[in-house]
């Protein structure tokens, strides 16, 4: 089953995931942004959890910008996406915590 990691190559957490999953392909969403359809599908899967409200990017946004719809925010500011998003076949995982690592190790 093919595995794709969606993230940013300078993100430490994304690097850890890529190292643990050497067979996975890596897509840097900064240089190769998500399409509207891909973004909509991820928002259906994860909802508001897809926005990383602890990020430097979020803290730098003006209050009026923060109130925009998630799809608009993520399209304009890809680094707001919580990462990594890992696609293993038809299943998606968000982040790189122990539960995601266990699920991917068990595949």
PDB file of N, CA and C in Angstrom:
ATOM      1  N   UNK A   1       0.850  -1.173   0.000  1.00  0.00           N
ATOM      2  CA  UNK A   1       0.000   0.000   0.000  1.00  0.00           C
ATOM      3  C   UNK A   1       0.896   1.236   0.000  1.00  0.00           C
ATOM      4  N   UNK A   2       0.651   2.146  -0.938  1.00  0.00           N
ATOM      5  CA  UNK A   2       1.477   3.357  -0.998  1.00  0.00           C
ATOM      6  C   UNK A   2       1.194   4.298   0.180  1.00  0.00           C
ATOM      7  N   UNK A   3       2.254   4.929   0.645  1.00  0.00           N
ATOM      8  CA  UNK A   3       2.143   5.882   1.752  1.00  0.00           C
ATOM      9  C   UNK A   3       2.683   7.222   1.267  1.00  0.00           C
ATOM     10  N   UNK A   4       1.916   8.282   1.540  1.00  0.00           N
ATOM     11  CA  UNK A   4       2.351   9.637   1.213  1.00  0.00           C
ATOM     12  C   UNK A   4       2.307  10.473   2.475  1.00  0.00           C
ATOM     13  N   UNK A   5       3.383  11.208   2.697  1.00  0.00           N
ATOM     14  CA  UNK A   5       3.446  12.145   3.825  1.00  0.00           C
ATOM     15  C   UNK A   5       3.296  13.546   3.253  1.00  0.00           C
ATOM     16  N   UNK A   6       2.291  14.272   3.743  1.00  0.00           N
ATOM     17  CA  UNK A   6       2.078  15.661   3.350  1.00  0.00           C
ATOM     18  C   UNK A   6       2.610  16.524   4.486  1.00  0.00           C
ATOM     19  N   UNK A   7       3.550  17.383   4.178  1.00  0.00           N
ATOM     20  CA  UNK A   7       4.133  18.216   5.223  1.00  0.00           C
ATOM     21  C   UNK A   7       5.034  19.278   4.632  1.00  0.00           C
ATOM     22  N   UNK A   8       5.971  19.701   5.436  1.00  0.00           N
ATOM     23  CA  UNK A   8       6.944  20.713   5.028  1.00  0.00           C
ATOM     24  C   UNK A   8       8.323  20.157   5.359  1.00  0.00           C
ATOM     25  N   UNK A   9       9.233  20.220   4.402  1.00  0.00           N
ATOM     26  CA  UNK A   9      10.529  19.562   4.588  1.00  0.00           C
ATOM     27  C   UNK A   9      11.350  20.131   5.739  1.00  0.00           C
ATOM     28  N   UNK A  10      11.059  21.350   6.178  1.00  0.00           N
ATOM     29  CA  UNK A  10      11.803  21.935   7.292  1.00  0.00           C
ATOM     30  C   UNK A  10      11.165  21.627   8.651  1.00  0.00           C
ATOM     31  N   UNK A  11      10.043  20.926   8.660  1.00  0.00           N
ATOM     32  CA  UNK A  11       9.329  20.592   9.903  1.00  0.00           C
ATOM     33  C   UNK A  11       9.981  19.362  10.554  1.00  0.00           C
ATOM     34  N   UNK A  12      10.406  19.506  11.804  1.00  0.00           N
ATOM     35  CA  UNK A  12      11.057  18.398  12.512  1.00  0.00           C
ATOM     36  C   UNK A  12      10.155  17.176  12.631  1.00  0.00           C
ATOM     37  N   UNK A  13       8.878  17.389  12.913  1.00  0.00           N
ATOM     38  CA  UNK A  13       7.956  16.270  13.059  1.00  0.00           C
ATOM     39  C   UNK A  13       7.784  15.538  11.734  1.00  0.00           C
ATOM     40  N   UNK A  14       7.720  16.272  10.648  1.00  0.00           N
ATOM     41  CA  UNK A  14       7.615  15.652   9.322  1.00  0.00           C
ATOM     42  C   UNK A  14       8.874  14.844   9.003  1.00  0.00           C
ATOM     43  N   UNK A  15      10.008  15.373   9.388  1.00  0.00           N
ATOM     44  CA  UNK A  15      11.265  14.650   9.165  1.00  0.00           C
ATOM     45  C   UNK A  15      11.306  13.342   9.950  1.00  0.00           C
ATOM     46  N   UNK A  16      10.808  13.378  11.194  1.00  0.00           N
ATOM     47  CA  UNK A  16      10.758  12.156  12.009  1.00  0.00           C
ATOM     48  C   UNK A  16       9.860  11.116  11.351  1.00  0.00           C
ATOM     49  N   UNK A  17       8.709  11.546  10.860  1.00  0.00           N
ATOM     50  CA  UNK A  17       7.787  10.624  10.194  1.00  0.00           C
ATOM     51  C   UNK A  17       8.427  10.042   8.935  1.00  0.00           C
ATOM     52  N   UNK A  18       9.089  10.880   8.150  1.00  0.00           N
ATOM     53  CA  UNK A  18       9.731  10.423   6.921  1.00  0.00           C
ATOM     54  C   UNK A  18      10.852   9.428   7.216  1.00  0.00           C
ATOM     55  N   UNK A  19      11.574   9.667   8.292  1.00  0.00           N
ATOM     56  CA  UNK A  19      12.655   8.751   8.663  1.00  0.00           C
ATOM     57  C   UNK A  19      12.095   7.401   9.104  1.00  0.00           C
ATOM     58  N   UNK A  20      10.988   7.429   9.827  1.00  0.00           N
ATOM     59  CA  UNK A  20      10.366   6.193  10.309  1.00  0.00           C
ATOM     60  C   UNK A  20       9.640   5.437   9.193  1.00  0.00           C
ATOM     61  N   UNK A  21       9.287   6.136   8.135  1.00  0.00           N
ATOM     62  CA  UNK A  21       8.565   5.531   7.005  1.00  0.00           C
ATOM     63  C   UNK A  21       9.373   5.732   5.725  1.00  0.00           C
ATOM     64  N   UNK A  22      10.535   5.065   5.603  1.00  0.00           N
ATOM     65  CA  UNK A  22      11.423   5.324   4.463  1.00  0.00           C
ATOM     66  C   UNK A  22      10.801   4.978   3.109  1.00  0.00           C
ATOM     67  N   UNK A  23       9.780   4.118   3.108  1.00  0.00           N
ATOM     68  CA  UNK A  23       9.134   3.739   1.848  1.00  0.00           C
ATOM     69  C   UNK A  23       8.116   4.778   1.372  1.00  0.00           C
ATOM     70  N   UNK A  24       7.816   5.739   2.229  1.00  0.00           N
ATOM     71  CA  UNK A  24       6.800   6.747   1.910  1.00  0.00           C
ATOM     72  C   UNK A  24       7.341   7.819   0.971  1.00  0.00           C
ATOM     73  N   UNK A  25       6.455   8.324   0.129  1.00  0.00           N
ATOM     74  CA  UNK A  25       6.818   9.493  -0.671  1.00  0.00           C
ATOM     75  C   UNK A  25       6.475  10.732   0.153  1.00  0.00           C
ATOM     76  N   UNK A  26       7.229  11.795  -0.057  1.00  0.00           N
ATOM     77  CA  UNK A  26       7.039  13.019   0.726  1.00  0.00           C
ATOM     78  C   UNK A  26       6.605  14.127  -0.211  1.00  0.00           C
ATOM     79  N   UNK A  27       5.548  14.825   0.174  1.00  0.00           N
ATOM     80  CA  UNK A  27       5.063  15.964  -0.613  1.00  0.00           C
ATOM     81  C   UNK A  27       5.138  17.214   0.245  1.00  0.00           C
ATOM     82  N   UNK A  28       5.989  18.122  -0.161  1.00  0.00           N
ATOM     83  CA  UNK A  28       6.132  19.397   0.540  1.00  0.00           C
ATOM     84  C   UNK A  28       4.998  20.304   0.081  1.00  0.00           C
ATOM     85  N   UNK A  29       4.080  20.602   0.995  1.00  0.00           N
ATOM     86  CA  UNK A  29       2.891  21.375   0.636  1.00  0.00           C
ATOM     87  C   UNK A  29       3.201  22.849   0.407  1.00  0.00           C
ATOM     88  N   UNK A  30       4.391  23.248   0.755  1.00  0.00           N
ATOM     89  CA  UNK A  30       4.789  24.635   0.493  1.00  0.00           C
ATOM     90  C   UNK A  30       5.181  24.784  -0.978  1.00  0.00           C
ATOM     91  N   UNK A  31       5.930  23.826  -1.509  1.00  0.00           N
ATOM     92  CA  UNK A  31       6.372  23.896  -2.902  1.00  0.00           C
ATOM     93  C   UNK A  31       5.389  23.221  -3.858  1.00  0.00           C
ATOM     94  N   UNK A  32       4.576  22.307  -3.348  1.00  0.00           N
ATOM     95  CA  UNK A  32       3.588  21.602  -4.155  1.00  0.00           C
ATOM     96  C   UNK A  32       2.255  21.623  -3.394  1.00  0.00           C
ATOM     97  N   UNK A  33       1.566  22.776  -3.400  1.00  0.00           N
ATOM     98  CA  UNK A  33       0.362  22.949  -2.578  1.00  0.00           C
ATOM     99  C   UNK A  33      -0.741  21.939  -2.884  1.00  0.00           C
ATOM    100  N   UNK A  34      -1.583  21.733  -1.892  1.00  0.00           N
ATOM    101  CA  UNK A  34      -2.743  20.863  -2.059  1.00  0.00           C
ATOM    102  C   UNK A  34      -3.724  21.518  -3.020  1.00  0.00           C
ATOM    103  N   UNK A  35      -4.399  20.699  -3.813  1.00  0.00           N
ATOM    104  CA  UNK A  35      -5.442  21.224  -4.692  1.00  0.00           C
ATOM    105  C   UNK A  35      -6.668  21.530  -3.834  1.00  0.00           C
ATOM    106  N   UNK A  36      -7.616  22.253  -4.414  1.00  0.00           N
ATOM    107  CA  UNK A  36      -8.857  22.554  -3.685  1.00  0.00           C
ATOM    108  C   UNK A  36      -9.561  21.270  -3.265  1.00  0.00           C
ATOM    109  N   UNK A  37      -9.574  20.292  -4.151  1.00  0.00           N
ATOM    110  CA  UNK A  37     -10.234  19.011  -3.862  1.00  0.00           C
ATOM    111  C   UNK A  37      -9.511  18.262  -2.747  1.00  0.00           C
ATOM    112  N   UNK A  38      -8.187  18.209  -2.802  1.00  0.00           N
ATOM    113  CA  UNK A  38      -7.418  17.534  -1.753  1.00  0.00           C
ATOM    114  C   UNK A  38      -7.660  18.202  -0.404  1.00  0.00           C
ATOM    115  N   UNK A  39      -7.643  19.517  -0.405  1.00  0.00           N
ATOM    116  CA  UNK A  39      -7.867  20.267   0.826  1.00  0.00           C
ATOM    117  C   UNK A  39      -9.275  20.026   1.367  1.00  0.00           C
ATOM    118  N   UNK A  40     -10.257  20.033   0.485  1.00  0.00           N
ATOM    119  CA  UNK A  40     -11.644  19.776   0.902  1.00  0.00           C
ATOM    120  C   UNK A  40     -11.777  18.381   1.497  1.00  0.00           C
ATOM    121  N   UNK A  41     -11.116  17.397   0.888  1.00  0.00           N
ATOM    122  CA  UNK A  41     -11.169  16.019   1.408  1.00  0.00           C
ATOM    123  C   UNK A  41     -10.526  15.913   2.786  1.00  0.00           C
ATOM    124  N   UNK A  42      -9.395  16.594   2.976  1.00  0.00           N
ATOM    125  CA  UNK A  42      -8.740  16.573   4.286  1.00  0.00           C
ATOM    126  C   UNK A  42      -9.597  17.270   5.340  1.00  0.00           C
ATOM    127  N   UNK A  43     -10.275  18.329   4.956  1.00  0.00           N
ATOM    128  CA  UNK A  43     -11.156  19.020   5.904  1.00  0.00           C
ATOM    129  C   UNK A  43     -12.365  18.151   6.254  1.00  0.00           C
ATOM    130  N   UNK A  44     -12.848  17.368   5.297  1.00  0.00           N
ATOM    131  CA  UNK A  44     -13.932  16.414   5.601  1.00  0.00           C
ATOM    132  C   UNK A  44     -13.440  15.353   6.588  1.00  0.00           C
ATOM    133  N   UNK A  45     -12.222  14.929   6.400  1.00  0.00           N
ATOM    134  CA  UNK A  45     -11.633  13.889   7.250  1.00  0.00           C
ATOM    135  C   UNK A  45     -11.338  14.384   8.668  1.00  0.00           C
ATOM    136  N   UNK A  46     -10.730  15.567   8.774  1.00  0.00           N
ATOM    137  CA  UNK A  46     -10.234  16.044  10.072  1.00  0.00           C
ATOM    138  C   UNK A  46     -10.948  17.272  10.629  1.00  0.00           C
ATOM    139  N   UNK A  47     -11.712  17.948   9.793  1.00  0.00           N
ATOM    140  CA  UNK A  47     -12.405  19.152  10.251  1.00  0.00           C
ATOM    141  C   UNK A  47     -11.434  20.236  10.680  1.00  0.00           C
ATOM    142  N   UNK A  48     -11.840  20.961  11.704  1.00  0.00           N
ATOM    143  CA  UNK A  48     -11.062  22.091  12.212  1.00  0.00           C
ATOM    144  C   UNK A  48      -9.708  21.677  12.809  1.00  0.00           C
ATOM    145  N   UNK A  49      -9.561  20.394  13.145  1.00  0.00           N
ATOM    146  CA  UNK A  49      -8.293  19.908  13.712  1.00  0.00           C
ATOM    147  C   UNK A  49      -7.148  20.036  12.714  1.00  0.00           C
ATOM    148  N   UNK A  50      -7.468  20.232  11.443  1.00  0.00           N
ATOM    149  CA  UNK A  50      -6.436  20.362  10.423  1.00  0.00           C
ATOM    150  C   UNK A  50      -5.665  21.675  10.544  1.00  0.00           C
ATOM    151  N   UNK A  51      -6.245  22.659  11.235  1.00  0.00           N
ATOM    152  CA  UNK A  51      -5.565  23.948  11.424  1.00  0.00           C
ATOM    153  C   UNK A  51      -4.752  23.902  12.716  1.00  0.00           C
ATOM    154  N   UNK A  52      -3.486  24.211  12.593  1.00  0.00           N
ATOM    155  CA  UNK A  52      -2.583  24.215  13.743  1.00  0.00           C
ATOM    156  C   UNK A  52      -2.611  25.600  14.387  1.00  0.00           C
ATOM    157  N   UNK A  53      -3.409  25.714  15.434  1.00  0.00           N
ATOM    158  CA  UNK A  53      -3.565  27.005  16.102  1.00  0.00           C
ATOM    159  C   UNK A  53      -2.413  27.308  17.071  1.00  0.00           C
ATOM    160  N   UNK A  54      -1.463  26.409  17.166  1.00  0.00           N
ATOM    161  CA  UNK A  54      -0.286  26.653  18.002  1.00  0.00           C
ATOM    162  C   UNK A  54       0.910  27.102  17.154  1.00  0.00           C
ATOM    163  N   UNK A  55       0.697  27.211  15.845  1.00  0.00           N
ATOM    164  CA  UNK A  55       1.816  27.521  14.949  1.00  0.00           C
ATOM    165  C   UNK A  55       2.195  28.997  14.966  1.00  0.00           C
ATOM    166  N   UNK A  56       3.402  29.248  14.561  1.00  0.00           N
ATOM    167  CA  UNK A  56       3.898  30.615  14.422  1.00  0.00           C
ATOM    168  C   UNK A  56       3.075  31.358  13.375  1.00  0.00           C
ATOM    169  N   UNK A  57       2.705  30.656  12.324  1.00  0.00           N
ATOM    170  CA  UNK A  57       1.898  31.278  11.269  1.00  0.00           C
ATOM    171  C   UNK A  57       0.570  31.771  11.837  1.00  0.00           C
ATOM    172  N   UNK A  58      -0.104  30.931  12.632  1.00  0.00           N
ATOM    173  CA  UNK A  58      -1.387  31.305  13.239  1.00  0.00           C
ATOM    174  C   UNK A  58      -1.230  32.531  14.134  1.00  0.00           C
ATOM    175  N   UNK A  59      -0.209  32.514  14.965  1.00  0.00           N
ATOM    176  CA  UNK A  59       0.006  33.633  15.892  1.00  0.00           C
ATOM    177  C   UNK A  59       0.296  34.934  15.151  1.00  0.00           C
ATOM    178  N   UNK A  60       0.835  34.834  13.933  1.00  0.00           N
ATOM    179  CA  UNK A  60       1.151  36.015  13.157  1.00  0.00           C
ATOM    180  C   UNK A  60      -0.009  36.569  12.344  1.00  0.00           C
ATOM    181  N   UNK A  61      -1.115  35.836  12.305  1.00  0.00           N
ATOM    182  CA  UNK A  61      -2.273  36.293  11.519  1.00  0.00           C
ATOM    183  C   UNK A  61      -3.077  37.340  12.275  1.00  0.00           C
ATOM    184  N   UNK A  62      -3.560  38.343  11.568  1.00  0.00           N
ATOM    185  CA  UNK A  62      -4.452  39.313  12.215  1.00  0.00           C
ATOM    186  C   UNK A  62      -5.758  38.626  12.623  1.00  0.00           C
ATOM    187  N   UNK A  63      -6.404  39.136  13.628  1.00  0.00           N
ATOM    188  CA  UNK A  63      -7.632  38.550  14.168  1.00  0.00           C
ATOM    189  C   UNK A  63      -8.705  38.376  13.094  1.00  0.00           C
ATOM    190  N   UNK A  64      -8.846  39.359  12.210  1.00  0.00           N
ATOM    191  CA  UNK A  64      -9.891  39.259  11.179  1.00  0.00           C
ATOM    192  C   UNK A  64      -9.600  38.143  10.171  1.00  0.00           C
ATOM    193  N   UNK A  65      -8.332  37.848   9.929  1.00  0.00           N
ATOM    194  CA  UNK A  65      -7.966  36.759   9.026  1.00  0.00           C
ATOM    195  C   UNK A  65      -8.268  35.412   9.671  1.00  0.00           C
ATOM    196  N   UNK A  66      -8.043  35.287  10.950  1.00  0.00           N
ATOM    197  CA  UNK A  66      -8.290  34.034  11.671  1.00  0.00           C
ATOM    198  C   UNK A  66      -9.748  33.592  11.582  1.00  0.00           C
ATOM    199  N   UNK A  67     -10.656  34.526  11.354  1.00  0.00           N
ATOM    200  CA  UNK A  67     -12.074  34.196  11.283  1.00  0.00           C
ATOM    201  C   UNK A  67     -12.524  33.637   9.940  1.00  0.00           C
ATOM    202  N   UNK A  68     -11.627  33.561   8.975  1.00  0.00           N
ATOM    203  CA  UNK A  68     -11.986  33.038   7.658  1.00  0.00           C
ATOM    204  C   UNK A  68     -12.259  31.537   7.726  1.00  0.00           C
ATOM    205  N   UNK A  69     -12.909  31.022   6.686  1.00  0.00           N
ATOM    206  CA  UNK A  69     -13.183  29.587   6.601  1.00  0.00           C
ATOM    207  C   UNK A  69     -11.860  28.827   6.534  1.00  0.00           C
ATOM    208  N   UNK A  70     -11.877  27.602   7.066  1.00  0.00           N
ATOM    209  CA  UNK A  70     -10.664  26.785   7.122  1.00  0.00           C
ATOM    210  C   UNK A  70     -10.060  26.569   5.738  1.00  0.00           C
ATOM    211  N   UNK A  71     -10.883  26.288   4.740  1.00  0.00           N
ATOM    212  CA  UNK A  71     -10.357  26.040   3.394  1.00  0.00           C
ATOM    213  C   UNK A  71      -9.650  27.278   2.849  1.00  0.00           C
ATOM    214  N   UNK A  72     -10.218  28.447   3.064  1.00  0.00           N
ATOM    215  CA  UNK A  72      -9.610  29.701   2.605  1.00  0.00           C
ATOM    216  C   UNK A  72      -8.291  29.949   3.317  1.00  0.00           C
ATOM    217  N   UNK A  73      -8.280  29.753   4.634  1.00  0.00           N
ATOM    218  CA  UNK A  73      -7.058  29.950   5.423  1.00  0.00           C
ATOM    219  C   UNK A  73      -5.943  29.020   4.964  1.00  0.00           C
ATOM    220  N   UNK A  74      -6.255  27.737   4.818  1.00  0.00           N
ATOM    221  CA  UNK A  74      -5.236  26.759   4.457  1.00  0.00           C
ATOM    222  C   UNK A  74      -4.748  26.936   3.021  1.00  0.00           C
ATOM    223  N   UNK A  75      -5.623  27.382   2.136  1.00  0.00           N
ATOM    224  CA  UNK A  75      -5.197  27.633   0.754  1.00  0.00           C
ATOM    225  C   UNK A  75      -4.230  28.813   0.704  1.00  0.00           C
ATOM    226  N   UNK A  76      -4.496  29.834   1.503  1.00  0.00           N
ATOM    227  CA  UNK A  76      -3.640  31.022   1.514  1.00  0.00           C
ATOM    228  C   UNK A  76      -2.366  30.832   2.340  1.00  0.00           C
ATOM    229  N   UNK A  77      -2.451  29.999   3.369  1.00  0.00           N
ATOM    230  CA  UNK A  77      -1.325  29.799   4.298  1.00  0.00           C
ATOM    231  C   UNK A  77      -1.120  28.294   4.540  1.00  0.00           C
ATOM    232  N   UNK A  78      -0.462  27.585   3.609  1.00  0.00           N
ATOM    233  CA  UNK A  78      -0.303  26.131   3.749  1.00  0.00           C
ATOM    234  C   UNK A  78       0.393  25.708   5.052  1.00  0.00           C
ATOM    235  N   UNK A  79       1.232  26.574   5.606  1.00  0.00           N
ATOM    236  CA  UNK A  79       1.946  26.200   6.832  1.00  0.00           C
ATOM    237  C   UNK A  79       1.033  26.180   8.055  1.00  0.00           C
ATOM    238  N   UNK A  80      -0.224  26.583   7.900  1.00  0.00           N
ATOM    239  CA  UNK A  80      -1.198  26.482   8.996  1.00  0.00           C
ATOM    240  C   UNK A  80      -1.676  25.045   9.197  1.00  0.00           C
ATOM    241  N   UNK A  81      -1.418  24.193   8.208  1.00  0.00           N
ATOM    242  CA  UNK A  81      -1.883  22.814   8.303  1.00  0.00           C
ATOM    243  C   UNK A  81      -1.125  22.062   9.391  1.00  0.00           C
ATOM    244  N   UNK A  82      -1.876  21.403  10.257  1.00  0.00           N
ATOM    245  CA  UNK A  82      -1.233  20.540  11.246  1.00  0.00           C
ATOM    246  C   UNK A  82      -0.564  19.425  10.462  1.00  0.00           C
ATOM    247  N   UNK A  83       0.620  19.063  10.868  1.00  0.00           N
ATOM    248  CA  UNK A  83       1.371  18.102  10.081  1.00  0.00           C
ATOM    249  C   UNK A  83       2.172  17.143  10.943  1.00  0.00           C
ATOM    250  N   UNK A  84       2.530  16.059  10.324  1.00  0.00           N
ATOM    251  CA  UNK A  84       2.231  15.658   8.962  1.00  0.00           C
ATOM    252  C   UNK A  84       0.816  15.079   8.835  1.00  0.00           C
ATOM    253  N   UNK A  85       0.327  15.096   7.610  1.00  0.00           N
ATOM    254  CA  UNK A  85      -0.847  14.306   7.252  1.00  0.00           C
ATOM    255  C   UNK A  85      -0.271  13.131   6.487  1.00  0.00           C
ATOM    256  N   UNK A  86      -0.634  11.938   6.911  1.00  0.00           N
ATOM    257  CA  UNK A  86      -0.098  10.734   6.283  1.00  0.00           C
ATOM    258  C   UNK A  86      -1.252   9.967   5.655  1.00  0.00           C
ATOM    259  N   UNK A  87      -1.089   9.649   4.381  1.00  0.00           N
ATOM    260  CA  UNK A  87      -2.082   8.846   3.680  1.00  0.00           C
ATOM    261  C   UNK A  87      -1.487   7.472   3.436  1.00  0.00           C
ATOM    262  N   UNK A  88      -2.123   6.466   3.993  1.00  0.00           N
ATOM    263  CA  UNK A  88      -1.706   5.079   3.790  1.00  0.00           C
ATOM    264  C   UNK A  88      -2.882   4.380   3.119  1.00  0.00           C
ATOM    265  N   UNK A  89      -2.779   4.200   1.812  1.00  0.00           N
ATOM    266  CA  UNK A  89      -3.908   3.666   1.053  1.00  0.00           C
ATOM    267  C   UNK A  89      -5.044   4.670   1.081  1.00  0.00           C
ATOM    268  N   UNK A  90      -6.218   4.241   1.547  1.00  0.00           N
ATOM    269  CA  UNK A  90      -7.383   5.137   1.615  1.00  0.00           C
ATOM    270  C   UNK A  90      -7.528   5.791   2.987  1.00  0.00           C
ATOM    271  N   UNK A  91      -6.649   5.444   3.929  1.00  0.00           N
ATOM    272  CA  UNK A  91      -6.749   5.935   5.306  1.00  0.00           C
ATOM    273  C   UNK A  91      -5.822   7.137   5.508  1.00  0.00           C
ATOM    274  N   UNK A  92      -6.317   8.119   6.264  1.00  0.00           N
ATOM    275  CA  UNK A  92      -5.524   9.308   6.582  1.00  0.00           C
ATOM    276  C   UNK A  92      -5.241   9.371   8.079  1.00  0.00           C
ATOM    277  N   UNK A  93      -4.065   9.885   8.420  1.00  0.00           N
ATOM    278  CA  UNK A  93      -3.657  10.087   9.813  1.00  0.00           C
ATOM    279  C   UNK A  93      -3.163  11.518   9.945  1.00  0.00           C
ATOM    280  N   UNK A  94      -3.405  12.102  11.112  1.00  0.00           N
ATOM    281  CA  UNK A  94      -2.990  13.480  11.362  1.00  0.00           C
ATOM    282  C   UNK A  94      -2.011  13.519  12.523  1.00  0.00           C
ATOM    283  N   UNK A  95      -0.843  14.098  12.281  1.00  0.00           N
ATOM    284  CA  UNK A  95       0.170  14.208  13.323  1.00  0.00           C
ATOM    285  C   UNK A  95       1.087  13.004  13.356  1.00  0.00           C
ATOM    286  N   UNK A  96       1.980  13.000  14.340  1.00  0.00           N
ATOM    287  CA  UNK A  96       2.955  11.912  14.471  1.00  0.00           C
ATOM    288  C   UNK A  96       3.099  11.538  15.941  1.00  0.00           C
ATOM    289  N   UNK A  97       1.981  11.312  16.585  1.00  0.00           N
ATOM    290  CA  UNK A  97       1.986  10.888  17.988  1.00  0.00           C
ATOM    291  C   UNK A  97       1.990   9.367  18.049  1.00  0.00           C
ATOM    292  N   UNK A  98       2.073   8.833  19.233  1.00  0.00           N
ATOM    293  CA  UNK A  98       2.198   7.390  19.437  1.00  0.00           C
ATOM    294  C   UNK A  98       1.078   6.593  18.770  1.00  0.00           C
ATOM    295  N   UNK A  99      -0.164   7.103  18.817  1.00  0.00           N
ATOM    296  CA  UNK A  99      -1.272   6.360  18.215  1.00  0.00           C
ATOM    297  C   UNK A  99      -1.103   6.208  16.703  1.00  0.00           C
ATOM    298  N   UNK A 100      -0.633   7.251  16.036  1.00  0.00           N
ATOM    299  CA  UNK A 100      -0.409   7.196  14.586  1.00  0.00           C
ATOM    300  C   UNK A 100       0.769   6.266  14.286  1.00  0.00           C
ATOM    301  N   UNK A 101       1.821   6.378  15.063  1.00  0.00           N
ATOM    302  CA  UNK A 101       2.984   5.521  14.856  1.00  0.00           C
ATOM    303  C   UNK A 101       2.613   4.056  15.025  1.00  0.00           C
ATOM    304  N   UNK A 102       1.822   3.749  16.043  1.00  0.00           N
ATOM    305  CA  UNK A 102       1.383   2.363  16.269  1.00  0.00           C
ATOM    306  C   UNK A 102       0.519   1.857  15.126  1.00  0.00           C
ATOM    307  N   UNK A 103      -0.413   2.676  14.689  1.00  0.00           N
ATOM    308  CA  UNK A 103      -1.312   2.277  13.596  1.00  0.00           C
ATOM    309  C   UNK A 103      -0.524   1.994  12.318  1.00  0.00           C
ATOM    310  N   UNK A 104       0.463   2.805  12.040  1.00  0.00           N
ATOM    311  CA  UNK A 104       1.242   2.622  10.815  1.00  0.00           C
ATOM    312  C   UNK A 104       2.233   1.467  10.939  1.00  0.00           C
ATOM    313  N   UNK A 105       2.710   1.209  12.135  1.00  0.00           N
ATOM    314  CA  UNK A 105       3.614   0.089  12.354  1.00  0.00           C
ATOM    315  C   UNK A 105       2.876  -1.245  12.220  1.00  0.00           C
ATOM    316  N   UNK A 106       1.586  -1.233  12.540  1.00  0.00           N
ATOM    317  CA  UNK A 106       0.781  -2.459  12.514  1.00  0.00           C
ATOM    318  C   UNK A 106       0.303  -2.813  11.107  1.00  0.00           C
ATOM    319  N   UNK A 107       0.487  -1.952  10.161  1.00  0.00           N
ATOM    320  CA  UNK A 107      -0.042  -2.227   8.812  1.00  0.00           C
ATOM    321  C   UNK A 107       0.700  -3.305   8.144  1.00  0.00           C
TER     322      UNK A 107
END
